[in-house]
N, C-alpha and C. Protein backbone atom coordinates (compact mmCIF):
# COMPACT_ATOMS: atom_id res chain seq x y z
N MET A 1 10.03 -5.36 -1.71
CA MET A 1 9.08 -5.43 -0.96
C MET A 1 9.09 -5.48 0.47
N ALA A 2 8.39 -4.66 1.25
CA ALA A 2 8.38 -4.81 3.04
C ALA A 2 8.59 -5.88 3.49
N ALA A 3 8.62 -6.14 4.71
CA ALA A 3 8.98 -7.73 5.20
C ALA A 3 7.07 -7.59 5.98
N ILE A 4 6.61 -9.00 5.70
CA ILE A 4 5.36 -8.80 5.88
C ILE A 4 4.87 -10.03 7.40
N PRO A 5 4.41 -9.30 8.30
CA PRO A 5 4.03 -10.09 9.50
C PRO A 5 3.61 -11.05 9.44
N GLU A 6 4.53 -12.22 10.02
CA GLU A 6 3.62 -13.44 9.94
C GLU A 6 2.47 -13.62 10.07
N ALA A 7 1.70 -14.62 8.93
CA ALA A 7 0.06 -14.95 9.53
C ALA A 7 -0.75 -13.92 8.90
N LEU A 8 0.04 -12.30 8.77
CA LEU A 8 -1.15 -11.53 8.34
C LEU A 8 -1.14 -11.05 7.39
N CYS A 9 -0.87 -11.98 6.08
CA CYS A 9 -1.39 -11.26 4.79
C CYS A 9 -2.28 -12.12 4.62
N GLY A 10 -3.01 -13.31 5.03
CA GLY A 10 -3.48 -14.40 5.15
C GLY A 10 -3.69 -15.21 4.38
N GLU A 11 -4.44 -15.74 3.21
CA GLU A 11 -4.14 -16.90 2.17
C GLU A 11 -2.97 -17.11 1.62
N ILE A 12 -2.51 -15.78 0.89
CA ILE A 12 -1.51 -15.71 1.01
C ILE A 12 0.00 -15.98 1.14
N THR A 13 0.09 -16.13 2.15
CA THR A 13 1.49 -16.18 3.33
C THR A 13 1.79 -17.20 2.75
N ASP A 14 1.53 -18.67 2.91
CA ASP A 14 2.63 -19.15 1.85
C ASP A 14 2.90 -19.43 1.07
N TYR A 15 2.40 -19.05 0.25
CA TYR A 15 3.41 -18.12 -1.46
C TYR A 15 3.76 -17.38 -1.41
N ILE A 16 3.72 -16.30 -0.53
CA ILE A 16 4.61 -15.14 -0.34
C ILE A 16 5.90 -15.98 0.12
N HIS A 17 6.12 -16.77 0.92
CA HIS A 17 7.11 -17.26 1.44
C HIS A 17 7.14 -19.20 0.09
N GLY A 18 7.16 -19.09 -0.84
CA GLY A 18 7.59 -20.02 -1.62
C GLY A 18 7.03 -21.57 -1.52
N THR A 19 5.54 -21.40 -1.00
CA THR A 19 4.77 -22.77 -1.35
C THR A 19 3.47 -22.33 -1.65
N THR A 20 2.58 -22.86 -2.27
CA THR A 20 1.41 -23.12 -2.88
C THR A 20 0.71 -23.65 -2.08
N ASN A 21 -0.98 -23.22 -2.21
CA ASN A 21 -1.82 -24.13 -1.84
C ASN A 21 -2.80 -24.13 -2.61
N ASN A 22 -3.18 -25.48 -3.01
CA ASN A 22 -3.92 -25.17 -4.13
C ASN A 22 -5.54 -24.63 -4.28
N ASP A 23 -5.78 -24.78 -2.55
CA ASP A 23 -7.39 -24.28 -2.27
C ASP A 23 -7.13 -23.23 -1.14
N PRO A 24 -7.50 -21.56 -1.57
CA PRO A 24 -7.13 -20.75 -0.22
C PRO A 24 -8.13 -20.75 0.72
N HIS A 25 -9.69 -21.20 0.55
CA HIS A 25 -9.80 -21.26 1.59
C HIS A 25 -9.90 -22.35 2.35
N MET A 26 -8.82 -23.40 2.32
CA MET A 26 -8.21 -24.22 3.56
C MET A 26 -7.71 -23.58 4.47
N PHE A 27 -7.23 -22.27 4.13
CA PHE A 27 -6.62 -21.31 4.81
C PHE A 27 -7.14 -20.81 6.50
N LEU A 28 -8.51 -20.49 6.07
CA LEU A 28 -9.03 -20.27 7.25
C LEU A 28 -9.82 -21.01 8.24
N PRO A 29 -9.52 -22.75 8.12
CA PRO A 29 -9.73 -22.88 9.55
C PRO A 29 -8.36 -23.41 10.41
N HIS A 30 -7.25 -23.08 9.66
CA HIS A 30 -5.76 -23.34 10.09
C HIS A 30 -5.21 -22.26 11.04
N TYR A 31 -6.07 -20.98 10.88
CA TYR A 31 -5.81 -19.60 11.50
C TYR A 31 -7.00 -19.45 12.41
N PRO A 32 -7.61 -20.06 13.60
CA PRO A 32 -8.67 -19.54 14.16
C PRO A 32 -8.36 -17.99 15.05
N ASP A 33 -9.63 -17.85 15.66
CA ASP A 33 -9.74 -16.61 15.72
C ASP A 33 -9.16 -16.56 17.13
N VAL A 34 -7.75 -15.08 17.19
CA VAL A 34 -7.41 -15.72 18.78
C VAL A 34 -7.59 -13.77 19.30
N VAL A 35 -7.74 -14.07 20.95
CA VAL A 35 -7.48 -12.76 21.59
C VAL A 35 -6.53 -13.09 23.30
N GLU A 36 -5.66 -12.54 22.79
CA GLU A 36 -4.21 -12.76 23.81
C GLU A 36 -4.41 -11.23 24.32
N HIS A 37 -4.19 -11.36 25.73
CA HIS A 37 -3.19 -9.94 26.53
C HIS A 37 -1.60 -10.14 26.16
N GLN A 38 -1.08 -9.18 26.15
CA GLN A 38 0.14 -9.40 25.56
C GLN A 38 0.87 -7.69 26.97
N ASP A 39 1.25 -8.39 27.47
CA ASP A 39 1.85 -7.56 28.56
C ASP A 39 2.94 -6.80 28.21
N SER A 40 2.16 -5.55 28.52
CA SER A 40 3.11 -4.09 28.06
C SER A 40 2.73 -3.12 28.65
N THR A 41 3.42 -2.21 29.04
CA THR A 41 3.00 -0.85 29.52
C THR A 41 3.54 0.07 28.57
N VAL A 42 4.11 -0.39 27.34
CA VAL A 42 4.43 0.41 26.34
C VAL A 42 4.25 0.16 25.21
N PHE A 43 3.52 0.85 23.98
CA PHE A 43 3.25 0.02 22.95
C PHE A 43 3.44 1.53 22.11
N SER A 44 4.68 1.14 21.51
CA SER A 44 5.05 2.36 20.19
C SER A 44 5.00 3.33 20.77
N ASN A 45 5.95 3.83 22.18
CA ASN A 45 6.60 4.69 22.44
C ASN A 45 5.70 5.48 23.70
N ILE A 46 4.36 4.42 23.33
CA ILE A 46 3.09 5.49 24.61
C ILE A 46 2.75 4.86 25.63
N SER A 47 2.78 5.48 27.07
CA SER A 47 2.47 4.63 28.08
C SER A 47 0.90 4.68 27.66
N LEU A 48 1.04 3.19 29.05
CA LEU A 48 -0.33 2.52 28.52
C LEU A 48 -0.71 2.44 30.12
N VAL A 49 -2.27 2.22 30.66
CA VAL A 49 -2.50 1.81 31.47
C VAL A 49 -2.02 0.35 31.84
N ASN A 50 -2.64 -0.23 31.30
CA ASN A 50 -2.36 -1.81 31.49
C ASN A 50 -2.00 -2.40 30.16
N SER A 51 -1.94 -3.90 29.94
CA SER A 51 -1.63 -4.70 28.52
C SER A 51 -2.94 -4.56 27.66
N VAL A 52 -2.15 -4.94 26.76
CA VAL A 52 -2.90 -5.20 25.39
C VAL A 52 -3.45 -6.05 25.25
N ILE A 53 -4.76 -5.81 24.37
CA ILE A 53 -5.19 -7.24 23.96
C ILE A 53 -5.03 -6.74 22.32
N VAL A 54 -4.95 -7.68 21.97
CA VAL A 54 -4.50 -8.39 20.60
C VAL A 54 -5.58 -9.52 20.23
N HIS A 55 -6.10 -8.80 19.09
CA HIS A 55 -7.07 -9.94 18.52
C HIS A 55 -6.85 -10.33 16.99
N ARG A 56 -6.27 -11.58 16.56
CA ARG A 56 -6.24 -12.07 15.80
C ARG A 56 -7.10 -12.09 14.48
N PHE A 57 -7.87 -12.37 13.71
CA PHE A 57 -8.80 -12.91 13.32
C PHE A 57 -8.60 -12.86 11.44
N THR A 58 -9.76 -13.77 10.90
CA THR A 58 -9.29 -13.77 9.43
C THR A 58 -11.05 -13.31 8.59
N TYR A 59 -10.68 -12.38 7.81
CA TYR A 59 -12.13 -11.34 7.21
C TYR A 59 -11.96 -12.31 5.68
N LEU A 60 -13.11 -12.73 5.21
CA LEU A 60 -12.95 -13.15 4.10
C LEU A 60 -13.98 -11.92 2.81
N SER A 61 -13.26 -11.58 2.14
CA SER A 61 -13.76 -10.09 1.39
C SER A 61 -13.97 -10.66 0.05
N LYS A 62 -15.18 -10.10 -0.87
CA LYS A 62 -15.48 -10.74 -1.98
C LYS A 62 -15.11 -9.05 -2.13
N TYR A 63 -14.72 -8.99 -3.69
CA TYR A 63 -14.15 -7.86 -4.61
C TYR A 63 -15.25 -8.08 -5.62
N SER A 64 -15.34 -6.36 -6.04
CA SER A 64 -16.39 -6.78 -7.57
C SER A 64 -15.77 -7.78 -8.76
N SER A 65 -14.56 -7.16 -8.89
CA SER A 65 -14.08 -8.18 -9.86
C SER A 65 -12.35 -8.94 -9.44
N VAL A 66 -11.92 -9.88 -10.16
CA VAL A 66 -11.07 -10.06 -10.10
C VAL A 66 -9.81 -9.27 -10.34
N ASP A 67 -10.21 -8.22 -11.34
CA ASP A 67 -8.92 -7.20 -11.58
C ASP A 67 -9.27 -6.26 -10.23
N GLU A 68 -10.12 -6.03 -9.53
CA GLU A 68 -9.85 -4.93 -8.32
C GLU A 68 -9.23 -5.43 -7.22
N LEU A 69 -9.56 -6.67 -7.23
CA LEU A 69 -8.83 -7.77 -6.11
C LEU A 69 -7.06 -7.78 -6.67
N ALA A 70 -6.44 -8.06 -7.98
CA ALA A 70 -5.34 -8.27 -7.89
C ALA A 70 -4.48 -6.72 -8.00
N ALA A 71 -5.85 -5.79 -8.52
CA ALA A 71 -4.43 -4.44 -8.58
C ALA A 71 -4.86 -4.09 -6.61
N ILE A 72 -5.07 -4.19 -5.98
CA ILE A 72 -5.65 -4.18 -4.43
C ILE A 72 -4.17 -4.46 -4.16
N ALA A 73 -4.47 -6.15 -4.00
CA ALA A 73 -2.81 -7.19 -3.59
C ALA A 73 -2.14 -6.60 -3.91
N GLY A 74 -1.78 -6.54 -5.81
CA GLY A 74 -0.37 -6.41 -5.79
C GLY A 74 -0.08 -5.41 -5.62
N ARG A 75 -0.79 -4.13 -5.51
CA ARG A 75 -0.66 -2.85 -4.91
C ARG A 75 -0.02 -3.00 -3.43
N LEU A 76 -0.21 -4.07 -2.79
CA LEU A 76 0.42 -4.14 -0.96
C LEU A 76 0.99 -5.31 -1.11
N TYR A 77 1.41 -6.15 -1.68
CA TYR A 77 2.57 -7.41 -1.87
C TYR A 77 3.02 -7.70 -2.90
N GLY A 78 2.57 -6.65 -3.86
CA GLY A 78 3.83 -7.20 -5.46
C GLY A 78 3.20 -7.93 -6.28
N PRO A 79 3.62 -7.81 -7.58
CA PRO A 79 3.25 -8.56 -8.75
C PRO A 79 3.11 -9.40 -9.06
N ARG A 80 3.87 -10.43 -8.04
CA ARG A 80 3.85 -12.11 -7.98
C ARG A 80 2.50 -12.49 -7.79
N VAL A 81 2.14 -11.12 -6.61
CA VAL A 81 0.65 -11.49 -6.30
C VAL A 81 -0.65 -11.69 -6.85
N LYS A 82 -0.25 -10.26 -7.49
CA LYS A 82 -1.44 -9.83 -8.45
C LYS A 82 -1.50 -11.33 -9.64
N ARG A 83 -0.30 -11.75 -10.31
CA ARG A 83 -0.46 -12.22 -11.07
C ARG A 83 -1.12 -13.78 -10.17
N TYR A 84 -1.20 -14.00 -8.95
CA TYR A 84 -1.42 -15.25 -8.20
C TYR A 84 -3.41 -14.82 -8.54
N PHE A 85 -3.95 -13.66 -8.25
CA PHE A 85 -5.34 -13.77 -8.17
C PHE A 85 -5.86 -13.54 -9.64
N ILE A 86 -4.75 -13.29 -10.34
CA ILE A 86 -5.56 -12.97 -11.68
C ILE A 86 -5.23 -14.56 -13.05
N GLU A 87 -4.62 -15.58 -12.40
CA GLU A 87 -4.48 -16.82 -13.02
C GLU A 87 -5.59 -17.47 -12.43
N ARG A 88 -5.75 -17.38 -10.99
CA ARG A 88 -6.93 -18.34 -10.09
C ARG A 88 -8.05 -18.00 -10.46
N GLN A 89 -8.43 -16.72 -11.24
CA GLN A 89 -9.34 -15.63 -11.99
C GLN A 89 -10.33 -15.74 -10.38
N GLN A 90 -9.76 -15.40 -9.28
CA GLN A 90 -9.80 -15.48 -8.43
C GLN A 90 -10.61 -14.05 -7.70
N ASP A 91 -11.98 -13.79 -7.27
CA ASP A 91 -12.26 -12.63 -6.41
C ASP A 91 -12.94 -12.39 -5.15
N THR A 92 -11.67 -13.47 -4.06
CA THR A 92 -12.36 -13.42 -2.57
C THR A 92 -10.67 -13.16 -2.54
N PHE A 93 -10.78 -13.17 -0.88
CA PHE A 93 -8.97 -12.49 -0.40
C PHE A 93 -9.36 -12.96 1.29
N ALA A 94 -8.94 -14.17 1.41
CA ALA A 94 -9.15 -14.31 2.88
C ALA A 94 -8.19 -13.33 3.57
N TRP A 95 -8.38 -12.37 4.46
CA TRP A 95 -6.84 -11.62 5.10
C TRP A 95 -7.17 -12.04 6.25
N ARG A 96 -5.66 -12.07 6.54
CA ARG A 96 -5.25 -12.38 7.86
C ARG A 96 -5.31 -10.73 8.84
N LEU A 97 -5.96 -10.94 9.90
CA LEU A 97 -6.00 -8.79 10.29
C LEU A 97 -5.56 -8.81 11.88
N GLU A 98 -5.10 -7.99 12.57
CA GLU A 98 -5.13 -8.30 13.64
C GLU A 98 -5.76 -6.55 14.52
N ILE A 99 -6.14 -6.63 15.65
CA ILE A 99 -6.85 -5.09 16.14
C ILE A 99 -5.88 -5.31 17.28
N LYS A 100 -5.57 -4.08 18.15
CA LYS A 100 -4.23 -4.01 19.19
C LYS A 100 -5.48 -3.07 19.96
N ILE A 101 -5.27 -3.44 20.96
CA ILE A 101 -6.37 -2.03 21.97
C ILE A 101 -5.88 -2.43 22.84
N GLY A 102 -5.18 -1.11 23.91
CA GLY A 102 -5.20 -0.67 24.91
C GLY A 102 -5.11 0.82 25.30
N GLN A 103 -5.64 1.28 26.83
CA GLN A 103 -5.88 2.28 26.81
C GLN A 103 -4.70 2.77 27.65
N ILE A 104 -4.40 4.70 27.22
CA ILE A 104 -3.29 5.57 27.25
C ILE A 104 -3.59 5.98 28.57
N LYS A 105 -1.93 6.21 29.02
CA LYS A 105 -1.76 7.03 30.14
C LYS A 105 -2.02 7.90 30.16
N LYS A 106 -2.69 9.09 31.15
CA LYS A 106 -3.01 10.41 31.10
C LYS A 106 -2.01 11.13 31.43
């Protein structure tokens, strides 16, 4: 499995790192929305005009079934995470997402 950026996989972050959380929605208050500026004139080898604006937020998504969520999460994070959702019979997932915005120099 590829390395997962810290706190970007959402409610399963602790689970992936070997600890468990009995209430997946307890994840939501621990990671509030954050908007910050990262001083960077280069992002992924692309020259930028100013700093990069980074917005991190939690999105609670509801899937049509436990099987659908388990299939998607299992594909992204592996069979252990697939079992996590199947065992819980959970069809919601609190994703932790990040958007980066910057203006490219011409």
